Protein backbone atom coordinates (compact mmCIF):
# COMPACT_ATOMS: atom_id res chain seq x y z
CA GLU A 1 12.68 2.53 11.21
CA LEU A 2 10.93 2.03 7.95
CA GLN A 3 7.46 3.70 9.82
CA TYR A 4 9.56 6.66 10.81
CA ALA A 5 11.59 6.88 7.14
CA ALA A 6 8.01 6.34 5.78
CA GLU A 7 6.45 9.31 7.65
CA ASN A 8 9.68 11.77 7.58
CA GLY A 9 11.78 10.81 5.13
CA LEU A 10 12.64 13.14 2.10
CA PHE A 11 13.87 10.59 -0.90
CA SER A 12 12.89 7.57 1.17
CA ALA A 13 9.56 7.62 2.05
CA THR A 14 7.71 6.10 -1.11
CA GLU A 15 10.31 3.48 -1.04
CA SER A 16 9.72 2.73 2.68
CA ILE A 17 6.26 2.87 2.33
CA HIS A 18 5.96 0.37 -0.59
CA TYR A 19 8.23 -2.11 2.07
CA LEU A 20 6.04 -1.74 4.44
CA ALA A 21 2.88 -2.45 2.62
CA HIS A 22 4.41 -5.32 1.14
CA ILE A 23 5.70 -6.71 4.59
CA TYR A 24 2.55 -6.47 5.87
CA LEU A 25 0.44 -8.19 3.19
CA LYS A 26 3.33 -10.92 2.41
CA TYR A 27 4.70 -11.51 5.40
CA GLU A 28 3.23 -10.29 8.46
CA ASP A 29 -0.49 -11.61 6.70
CA GLN A 30 -2.16 -7.91 8.23
CA PRO A 31 -3.80 -6.74 4.65
CA GLU A 32 -5.47 -3.67 6.57
CA LYS A 33 -2.19 -2.43 7.65
CA ALA A 34 -1.23 -2.64 4.26
CA LEU A 35 -3.91 -0.43 3.18
CA ILE A 36 -2.71 2.05 4.74
CA TYR A 37 0.47 2.08 2.94
CA SER A 38 -1.05 1.33 -0.48
CA GLU A 39 -3.81 3.55 -0.22
CA LYS A 40 -1.11 6.78 0.33
CA LEU A 41 1.19 5.43 -2.31
CA VAL A 42 -1.94 5.52 -4.71
CA LYS A 43 -2.87 8.69 -3.76
CA LYS A 44 0.00 10.38 -4.31
CA TYR A 45 0.69 8.48 -7.38
CA PRO A 46 -2.53 7.69 -9.20
CA ASP A 47 -1.11 7.31 -12.48
CA ASN A 48 1.27 4.81 -11.09
CA TYR A 49 -0.54 1.19 -12.26
CA TYR A 50 2.15 -1.11 -10.17
CA PHE A 51 1.27 0.48 -6.62
CA LEU A 52 -2.83 0.66 -8.09
CA THR A 53 -1.91 -3.36 -8.59
CA ARG A 54 -0.53 -3.79 -5.08
CA HIS A 55 -3.52 -1.67 -3.65
CA VAL A 56 -6.21 -3.65 -5.34
CA GLU A 57 -4.26 -6.74 -4.17
CA ALA A 58 -4.66 -5.57 -0.37
CA LEU A 59 -8.04 -4.57 -0.83
CA LEU A 60 -9.00 -8.35 -2.00
CA GLU A 61 -6.92 -9.65 0.76
CA ALA A 62 -8.81 -7.23 3.15
CA GLU A 63 -12.01 -8.60 1.65
CA LYS A 64 -13.11 -5.37 0.58
CA TYR A 65 -14.65 -6.67 -2.46
CA LYS A 66 -16.60 -3.64 -3.55
CA GLU A 67 -13.44 -0.67 -2.81
CA ALA A 68 -11.50 -3.15 -5.44
CA GLU A 69 -14.33 -3.58 -7.71
CA VAL A 70 -13.77 0.39 -8.29
CA TYR A 71 -10.51 -0.15 -9.94
CA ALA A 72 -12.08 -2.70 -12.02
């Protein structure tokens, strides 16, 4: 249901995307999947430092250090 809301929701899409990224990163130990969602948030809200921080965290967990370094 979260994935559906993330793709089709009007008001709840941002919250669903954020929550999915969080679940994949913190509970499922799947940083690659978390990156799919965190990247969407960073692209849609480039000035939101909270989303940017979570995206960098996912990049580091996925061992994508060069990509994370761009944000340093």
